[in-house]
Amino acid sequence: MNNFTFTNNKCKDKNISINEINPVELFHFYFIINVRLIVAFFKMAKMYVI
């Protein structure tokens, strides 16, 4: 919840409306999730191989 209000404040500083989604932050959000999934996948693969 704090993160959400923080992003809204950043958008207000840049004169961007709150309803408008910031694509850069959305990209970073999905990128972090994808990295975590890839790391977990490689850990599982190593367990099966070795």
C-alpha atoms as a PDB file:
ATOM      1  CA  MET A   1       0.000   0.000   0.000  1.00  0.00           C
ATOM      2  CA  ASN A   2       2.847   2.395   0.821  1.00  0.00           C
ATOM      3  CA  ASN A   3       4.500   1.547  -2.496  1.00  0.00           C
ATOM      4  CA  PHE A   4       1.287   2.403  -4.356  1.00  0.00           C
ATOM      5  CA  THR A   5       0.948   5.847  -2.741  1.00  0.00           C
ATOM      6  CA  PHE A   6       4.654   6.472  -3.372  1.00  0.00           C
ATOM      7  CA  THR A   7       4.227   5.818  -7.112  1.00  0.00           C
ATOM      8  CA  ASN A   8       1.165   8.093  -7.167  1.00  0.00           C
ATOM      9  CA  ASN A   9       3.199  10.910  -5.602  1.00  0.00           C
ATOM     10  CA  LYS A  10       5.938  10.423  -8.210  1.00  0.00           C
ATOM     11  CA  CYS A  11       3.332  10.638 -10.983  1.00  0.00           C
ATOM     12  CA  LYS A  12       1.909  13.861  -9.507  1.00  0.00           C
ATOM     13  CA  ASP A  13       5.387  15.411  -9.522  1.00  0.00           C
ATOM     14  CA  LYS A  14       5.689  14.667 -13.242  1.00  0.00           C
ATOM     15  CA  ASN A  15       2.165  16.066 -13.861  1.00  0.00           C
ATOM     16  CA  ILE A  16       0.925  12.609 -14.900  1.00  0.00           C
ATOM     17  CA  SER A  17      -2.614  11.658 -13.930  1.00  0.00           C
ATOM     18  CA  ILE A  18      -2.967   8.936 -11.284  1.00  0.00           C
ATOM     19  CA  ASN A  19      -5.251   6.856 -13.527  1.00  0.00           C
ATOM     20  CA  GLU A  20      -2.586   6.655 -16.222  1.00  0.00           C
ATOM     21  CA  ILE A  21      -0.402   3.552 -15.863  1.00  0.00           C
ATOM     22  CA  ASN A  22       3.330   4.189 -15.939  1.00  0.00           C
ATOM     23  CA  PRO A  23       4.680   1.607 -18.466  1.00  0.00           C
ATOM     24  CA  VAL A  24       8.230   1.818 -17.115  1.00  0.00           C
ATOM     25  CA  GLU A  25       7.218   0.864 -13.579  1.00  0.00           C
ATOM     26  CA  LEU A  26       4.903  -1.830 -14.946  1.00  0.00           C
ATOM     27  CA  PHE A  27       7.830  -3.230 -16.967  1.00  0.00           C
ATOM     28  CA  HIS A  28      10.101  -3.260 -13.917  1.00  0.00           C
ATOM     29  CA  PHE A  29       7.371  -5.026 -11.895  1.00  0.00           C
ATOM     30  CA  TYR A  30       6.971  -7.820 -14.460  1.00  0.00           C
ATOM     31  CA  PHE A  31      10.739  -7.989 -15.045  1.00  0.00           C
ATOM     32  CA  ILE A  32      11.386  -8.670 -11.331  1.00  0.00           C
ATOM     33  CA  ILE A  33       8.714 -11.406 -11.288  1.00  0.00           C
ATOM     34  CA  ASN A  34      10.172 -12.999 -14.435  1.00  0.00           C
ATOM     35  CA  VAL A  35      13.711 -12.978 -13.000  1.00  0.00           C
ATOM     36  CA  ARG A  36      12.474 -14.702  -9.832  1.00  0.00           C
ATOM     37  CA  LEU A  37      10.666 -17.348 -11.896  1.00  0.00           C
ATOM     38  CA  ILE A  38      13.720 -17.955 -14.097  1.00  0.00           C
ATOM     39  CA  VAL A  39      16.017 -18.288 -11.063  1.00  0.00           C
ATOM     40  CA  ALA A  40      13.608 -20.743  -9.424  1.00  0.00           C
ATOM     41  CA  PHE A  41      13.406 -22.714 -12.676  1.00  0.00           C
ATOM     42  CA  PHE A  42      17.197 -23.000 -12.978  1.00  0.00           C
ATOM     43  CA  LYS A  43      17.485 -24.101  -9.335  1.00  0.00           C
ATOM     44  CA  MET A  44      14.975 -26.890 -10.020  1.00  0.00           C
ATOM     45  CA  ALA A  45      16.776 -27.859 -13.237  1.00  0.00           C
ATOM     46  CA  LYS A  46      20.108 -28.108 -11.405  1.00  0.00           C
ATOM     47  CA  MET A  47      18.525 -30.363  -8.774  1.00  0.00           C
ATOM     48  CA  TYR A  48      17.273 -32.731 -11.479  1.00  0.00           C
ATOM     49  CA  VAL A  49      20.513 -32.748 -13.497  1.00  0.00           C
ATOM     50  CA  ILE A  50      22.944 -33.272 -10.618  1.00  0.00           C
END
